């Protein structure tokens, strides 16, 4: 493959973003392969899903060891998410064939990217709201019907576009279980995504869309990128990266929908400004830890001039 080096770098950057923020895997990799490397949309979707099957477990193992996986929620997600993800592949095939299919897939992916942006913005807003008004609880009871519906909707979208396993589903889980701890949301989403993405990848492999060589090349960069991003995420805030993802995915989605360049530029500039304002306000609103007196200080107190 002529683009092995650049694809490895792209995989590393996407993996880093996923490790840092928990979002943006399929939403970033699929449009990059289509728009930058000229890969057919269906092949890009299948190859991204195949790579994700091996990338997701790295984060899932970390959360399992930390005890931040709600297995009861996972058990209610999978009965609908796995068959829906597999079936979404064949829904995609029903859109047509040849060049017509590839163009329609671009529209579907573009719409999914914009939906992912809505999900990311919702998550940013919900995270702020939860921090201010909602008491998190690790023992929130599962809501079976809502959880089954989340698996159904999320599975179809992931199977058709590879977008949504780390952005849309986690937002829907947050809405259905608003008091669930944030780290439990991420851990639960990562674990359920493994069989769901695996089912979608299997479907694309059966219809001949998944390029395993391309997926392996992506993983060469993505795996160390995920590990590095996860390590850094424990030390820095991911808010700036999240807003960068919002701007990037909006531009990619609008491009795939063939929006005018001027419209894409204006929308991206507006989102960049909104992200900058929101980030600055959030930092100003964050209380600083009060300084405490050191009772062990034995130095003579400073004399005050009268």
Protein backbone atom coordinates (compact mmCIF):
# COMPACT_ATOMS: atom_id res chain seq x y z
CA UNK A 1 0.00 0.00 0.00
CA UNK A 2 1.43 3.34 -1.08
CA UNK A 3 -0.05 5.23 1.87
CA UNK A 4 1.15 2.94 4.68
CA UNK A 5 3.18 5.65 6.45
CA UNK A 6 0.53 8.40 6.37
CA UNK A 7 -2.21 5.91 7.34
CA UNK A 8 -0.17 4.78 10.35
CA UNK A 9 0.22 8.43 11.39
CA UNK A 10 -3.52 9.02 10.90
CA UNK A 11 -4.26 5.92 13.00
CA UNK A 12 -1.97 7.20 15.74
CA UNK A 13 -3.67 10.62 15.81
CA UNK A 14 -7.15 9.11 15.91
CA UNK A 15 -6.10 6.60 18.57
CA UNK A 16 -4.64 9.42 20.65
CA UNK A 17 -7.91 11.37 20.43
CA UNK A 18 -9.89 8.28 21.45
CA UNK A 19 -7.60 7.58 24.40
CA UNK A 20 -7.71 11.20 25.51
CA UNK A 21 -11.45 11.83 25.23
CA UNK A 22 -13.19 8.49 24.69
CA UNK A 23 -14.78 9.87 21.51
CA UNK A 24 -14.07 10.20 17.82
CA UNK A 25 -12.88 6.76 16.66
CA UNK A 26 -15.09 5.90 13.71
CA UNK A 27 -16.24 9.49 13.42
CA UNK A 28 -12.67 10.56 12.65
CA UNK A 29 -11.13 7.55 10.91
CA UNK A 30 -13.84 6.90 8.33
CA UNK A 31 -13.92 10.44 6.88
CA UNK A 32 -10.10 10.62 6.95
CA UNK A 33 -9.85 7.45 4.87
CA UNK A 34 -12.51 8.67 2.44
CA UNK A 35 -11.50 12.32 2.07
CA UNK A 36 -7.72 12.14 2.52
CA UNK A 37 -6.75 8.72 1.18
CA UNK A 38 -9.54 8.21 -1.36
CA UNK A 39 -10.77 4.90 0.08
CA UNK A 40 -14.28 3.85 -1.00
CA UNK A 41 -16.77 4.78 1.76
CA UNK A 42 -17.99 1.20 2.26
CA UNK A 43 -14.41 -0.11 2.47
CA UNK A 44 -13.50 2.69 4.89
CA UNK A 45 -16.43 1.79 7.16
CA UNK A 46 -15.64 -1.94 7.14
CA UNK A 47 -11.91 -1.44 7.69
CA UNK A 48 -12.47 1.04 10.53
CA UNK A 49 -14.81 -1.40 12.27
CA UNK A 50 -12.30 -4.24 11.85
CA UNK A 51 -9.58 -2.08 13.44
CA UNK A 52 -11.91 -1.04 16.28
CA UNK A 53 -12.49 -4.68 17.23
CA UNK A 54 -8.84 -4.82 18.32
CA UNK A 55 -8.60 -1.25 19.62
CA UNK A 56 -11.63 -1.18 21.95
CA UNK A 57 -10.41 -3.92 24.36
CA UNK A 58 -7.43 -1.82 25.46
CA UNK A 59 -9.70 0.72 27.15
CA UNK A 60 -12.19 -1.93 28.27
CA UNK A 61 -9.53 -3.88 30.19
CA UNK A 62 -8.49 -0.73 32.06
CA UNK A 63 -12.08 -0.04 33.13
CA UNK A 64 -12.73 -3.67 34.06
CA UNK A 65 -9.71 -3.67 36.36
CA UNK A 66 -10.89 -0.39 37.88
CA UNK A 67 -14.37 -1.80 38.51
CA UNK A 68 -16.10 0.86 36.41
CA UNK A 69 -18.15 -1.44 34.15
CA UNK A 70 -21.88 -1.84 34.79
CA UNK A 71 -22.36 -5.40 33.57
CA UNK A 72 -26.12 -5.29 34.21
CA UNK A 73 -26.45 -2.45 31.68
CA UNK A 74 -24.15 -4.28 29.24
CA UNK A 75 -26.40 -7.34 29.43
CA UNK A 76 -29.43 -5.25 28.46
CA UNK A 77 -27.63 -3.46 25.61
CA UNK A 78 -26.21 -6.47 23.78
CA UNK A 79 -29.44 -8.37 22.88
CA UNK A 80 -30.40 -5.53 20.53
CA UNK A 81 -27.04 -3.87 19.79
CA UNK A 82 -25.29 -6.94 18.36
CA UNK A 83 -27.99 -8.05 15.86
CA UNK A 84 -28.76 -4.42 14.97
CA UNK A 85 -25.10 -3.72 14.18
CA UNK A 86 -24.92 -6.85 12.02
CA UNK A 87 -28.20 -5.98 10.29
CA UNK A 88 -27.11 -2.38 9.71
CA UNK A 89 -24.53 -3.68 7.24
CA UNK A 90 -27.26 -5.14 5.04
CA UNK A 91 -29.42 -2.02 5.38
CA UNK A 92 -26.43 -0.17 3.94
CA UNK A 93 -26.18 -2.63 1.05
CA UNK A 94 -29.86 -2.08 0.27
CA UNK A 95 -29.08 1.54 -0.66
CA UNK A 96 -27.77 0.42 -4.06
CA UNK A 97 -24.53 -0.71 -5.68
CA UNK A 98 -21.56 0.62 -7.61
CA UNK A 99 -20.82 4.34 -7.72
CA UNK A 100 -24.38 5.19 -6.71
CA UNK A 101 -23.94 3.23 -3.47
CA UNK A 102 -20.64 4.96 -2.68
CA UNK A 103 -22.22 8.39 -3.13
CA UNK A 104 -25.21 7.48 -0.99
CA UNK A 105 -22.91 6.12 1.69
CA UNK A 106 -21.11 9.47 1.75
CA UNK A 107 -24.44 11.14 2.48
CA UNK A 108 -25.23 8.59 5.20
CA UNK A 109 -21.80 9.02 6.82
CA UNK A 110 -22.10 12.81 6.56
CA UNK A 111 -25.45 12.72 8.34
CA UNK A 112 -24.02 10.36 10.97
CA UNK A 113 -21.07 12.69 11.56
CA UNK A 114 -23.38 15.64 12.18
CA UNK A 115 -25.46 13.46 14.48
CA UNK A 116 -22.25 12.55 16.31
CA UNK A 117 -21.49 16.27 16.67
CA UNK A 118 -24.92 16.78 18.23
CA UNK A 119 -24.11 13.90 20.56
CA UNK A 120 -20.74 15.41 21.52
CA UNK A 121 -22.24 18.84 22.17
CA UNK A 122 -24.98 17.19 24.22
CA UNK A 123 -22.37 15.33 26.23
CA UNK A 124 -20.42 18.53 26.91
CA UNK A 125 -23.63 20.24 28.09
CA UNK A 126 -24.78 17.23 30.10
CA UNK A 127 -21.38 16.85 31.76
CA UNK A 128 -21.56 20.47 32.94
CA UNK A 129 -25.15 20.05 34.10
CA UNK A 130 -24.35 16.81 35.93
CA UNK A 131 -21.41 18.45 37.68
CA UNK A 132 -23.63 21.29 38.87
CA UNK A 133 -26.95 19.62 39.69
CA UNK A 134 -26.77 15.82 39.54
CA UNK A 135 -25.42 13.60 42.28
CA UNK A 136 -23.61 10.70 40.63
CA UNK A 137 -24.34 7.21 41.89
CA UNK A 138 -22.63 3.94 40.96
CA UNK A 139 -25.72 1.92 41.99
CA UNK A 140 -28.32 3.47 39.68
CA UNK A 141 -30.82 0.75 38.65
CA UNK A 142 -30.83 -0.24 34.99
CA UNK A 143 -33.77 0.80 32.79
CA UNK A 144 -34.33 -2.28 30.60
CA UNK A 145 -36.67 -0.90 27.90
CA UNK A 146 -34.69 2.30 27.37
CA UNK A 147 -31.42 0.36 27.33
CA UNK A 148 -32.71 -2.13 24.75
CA UNK A 149 -33.81 0.77 22.52
CA UNK A 150 -30.39 2.41 22.87
CA UNK A 151 -28.76 -0.82 21.70
CA UNK A 152 -31.12 -1.06 18.74
CA UNK A 153 -30.67 2.52 17.50
CA UNK A 154 -26.96 2.68 18.23
CA UNK A 155 -26.28 -0.71 16.66
CA UNK A 156 -27.95 0.16 13.35
CA UNK A 157 -26.04 3.45 13.09
CA UNK A 158 -22.71 1.81 13.91
CA UNK A 159 -23.30 -1.02 11.44
CA UNK A 160 -24.14 1.41 8.65
CA UNK A 161 -21.50 4.07 9.27
CA UNK A 162 -19.01 2.92 11.98
CA UNK A 163 -19.91 6.20 13.74
CA UNK A 164 -21.50 6.37 17.17
CA UNK A 165 -20.11 3.64 19.43
CA UNK A 166 -18.16 6.20 21.48
CA UNK A 167 -20.28 9.31 21.00
CA UNK A 168 -23.96 8.64 20.34
CA UNK A 169 -24.44 5.58 22.55
CA UNK A 170 -22.72 7.10 25.57
CA UNK A 171 -24.94 10.19 25.30
CA UNK A 172 -28.08 8.03 25.10
CA UNK A 173 -26.89 6.08 28.14
CA UNK A 174 -26.34 9.34 29.97
CA UNK A 175 -29.89 10.47 29.18
CA UNK A 176 -31.38 7.13 30.25
CA UNK A 177 -29.28 6.90 33.44
CA UNK A 178 -28.56 10.54 34.38
CA UNK A 179 -27.15 9.75 37.83
CA UNK A 180 -24.70 7.11 36.63
CA UNK A 181 -21.06 8.01 37.30
CA UNK A 182 -19.14 9.34 34.31
CA UNK A 183 -16.40 6.72 34.50
CA UNK A 184 -19.05 3.98 34.68
CA UNK A 185 -20.66 5.39 31.53
CA UNK A 186 -17.36 5.25 29.64
CA UNK A 187 -16.41 1.80 30.94
CA UNK A 188 -19.83 0.32 30.19
CA UNK A 189 -19.87 1.81 26.69
CA UNK A 190 -16.39 0.49 25.91
CA UNK A 191 -17.23 -3.06 27.00
CA UNK A 192 -20.54 -3.31 25.14
CA UNK A 193 -18.90 -1.83 22.02
CA UNK A 194 -16.58 -4.84 21.61
CA UNK A 195 -19.22 -7.43 20.58
CA UNK A 196 -21.33 -4.77 18.84
CA UNK A 197 -18.43 -3.54 16.69
CA UNK A 198 -17.35 -7.14 16.16
CA UNK A 199 -20.80 -8.02 14.77
CA UNK A 200 -20.72 -5.02 12.44
CA UNK A 201 -17.17 -5.87 11.28
CA UNK A 202 -18.22 -9.47 10.60
CA UNK A 203 -21.12 -8.25 8.47
CA UNK A 204 -18.85 -6.01 6.41
CA UNK A 205 -16.35 -8.84 6.05
CA UNK A 206 -19.07 -11.16 4.72
CA UNK A 207 -20.16 -8.64 2.07
CA UNK A 208 -16.54 -7.95 1.10
CA UNK A 209 -16.23 -4.40 2.44
CA UNK A 210 -13.57 -4.86 5.13
CA UNK A 211 -9.93 -4.54 4.02
CA UNK A 212 -7.99 -6.43 6.69
CA UNK A 213 -4.65 -5.14 5.38
CA UNK A 214 -5.85 -1.55 5.76
CA UNK A 215 -7.24 -2.32 9.23
CA UNK A 216 -3.89 -3.81 10.30
CA UNK A 217 -2.05 -0.73 9.04
CA UNK A 218 -4.39 1.51 11.04
CA UNK A 219 -3.76 -0.53 14.18
CA UNK A 220 0.02 -0.08 13.94
CA UNK A 221 -0.50 3.59 14.79
CA UNK A 222 -3.82 3.43 16.63
CA UNK A 223 -2.83 1.06 19.45
CA UNK A 224 0.11 3.10 20.79
CA UNK A 225 -1.95 6.25 20.16
CA UNK A 226 -4.76 4.97 22.39
CA UNK A 227 -2.34 3.99 25.14
CA UNK A 228 -0.57 7.37 25.04
CA UNK A 229 -3.86 9.27 25.00
CA UNK A 230 -5.20 7.27 27.95
CA UNK A 231 -2.04 7.95 29.96
CA UNK A 232 -2.17 11.69 29.24
CA UNK A 233 -5.92 11.84 29.96
CA UNK A 234 -5.17 11.18 33.62
CA UNK A 235 -3.10 14.38 33.77
CA UNK A 236 -4.79 16.94 31.50
CA UNK A 237 -8.30 18.01 30.60
CA UNK A 238 -9.75 16.83 27.30
CA UNK A 239 -12.12 19.79 26.84
CA UNK A 240 -9.99 21.49 24.20
CA UNK A 241 -9.61 18.24 22.26
CA UNK A 242 -13.37 17.60 22.45
CA UNK A 243 -14.11 20.99 20.90
CA UNK A 244 -11.46 20.38 18.24
CA UNK A 245 -13.24 17.11 17.42
CA UNK A 246 -16.58 18.93 17.19
CA UNK A 247 -15.16 21.41 14.67
CA UNK A 248 -13.36 18.74 12.65
CA UNK A 249 -16.35 16.39 12.47
CA UNK A 250 -18.69 19.23 11.54
CA UNK A 251 -16.47 20.22 8.65
CA UNK A 252 -16.13 16.59 7.51
CA UNK A 253 -19.86 15.94 7.74
CA UNK A 254 -20.79 19.06 5.81
CA UNK A 255 -18.15 18.26 3.17
CA UNK A 256 -19.59 14.79 2.63
CA UNK A 257 -23.03 16.34 2.28
CA UNK A 258 -21.54 18.68 -0.36
CA UNK A 259 -22.29 21.89 1.52
CA UNK A 260 -20.79 25.10 0.05
CA UNK A 261 -17.27 25.88 1.24
CA UNK A 262 -18.33 29.27 2.60
CA UNK A 263 -21.00 27.64 4.76
CA UNK A 264 -18.53 25.05 6.08
CA UNK A 265 -16.01 27.77 6.95
CA UNK A 266 -18.56 29.96 8.73
CA UNK A 267 -20.01 27.09 10.76
CA UNK A 268 -16.54 25.86 11.79
CA UNK A 269 -15.46 29.36 12.78
CA UNK A 270 -18.62 29.81 14.85
CA UNK A 271 -18.05 26.50 16.65
CA UNK A 272 -14.39 27.37 17.27
CA UNK A 273 -15.44 30.67 18.86
CA UNK A 274 -18.12 28.96 20.94
CA UNK A 275 -15.63 26.34 22.11
CA UNK A 276 -13.07 28.99 23.10
CA UNK A 277 -15.65 31.00 25.06
CA UNK A 278 -17.04 27.91 26.78
CA UNK A 279 -13.60 26.62 27.75
CA UNK A 280 -12.48 29.98 29.16
CA UNK A 281 -15.70 30.36 31.17
CA UNK A 282 -15.40 26.82 32.52
CA UNK A 283 -11.84 27.45 33.67
CA UNK A 284 -12.82 30.71 35.35
CA UNK A 285 -15.73 29.00 37.09
CA UNK A 286 -13.55 26.19 38.45
CA UNK A 287 -12.88 26.92 42.14
CA UNK A 288 -9.27 26.89 43.26
CA UNK A 289 -8.31 24.94 46.34
CA UNK A 290 -7.98 27.26 49.36
CA UNK A 291 -4.58 27.57 50.88
CA UNK A 292 -4.35 26.03 54.33
CA UNK A 293 -2.11 27.22 57.07
CA UNK A 294 0.94 25.08 57.74
CA UNK A 295 0.87 24.33 61.43
CA UNK A 296 4.35 22.89 61.32
CA UNK A 297 5.95 26.17 60.31
CA UNK A 298 8.34 27.19 63.09
CA UNK A 299 9.71 30.32 61.48
CA UNK A 300 9.23 33.65 63.19
CA UNK A 301 6.08 35.41 61.97
CA UNK A 302 6.60 38.42 59.75
CA UNK A 303 6.40 41.68 61.66
CA UNK A 304 3.87 44.21 60.50
CA UNK A 305 5.04 47.80 60.22
CA UNK A 306 2.89 50.24 62.09
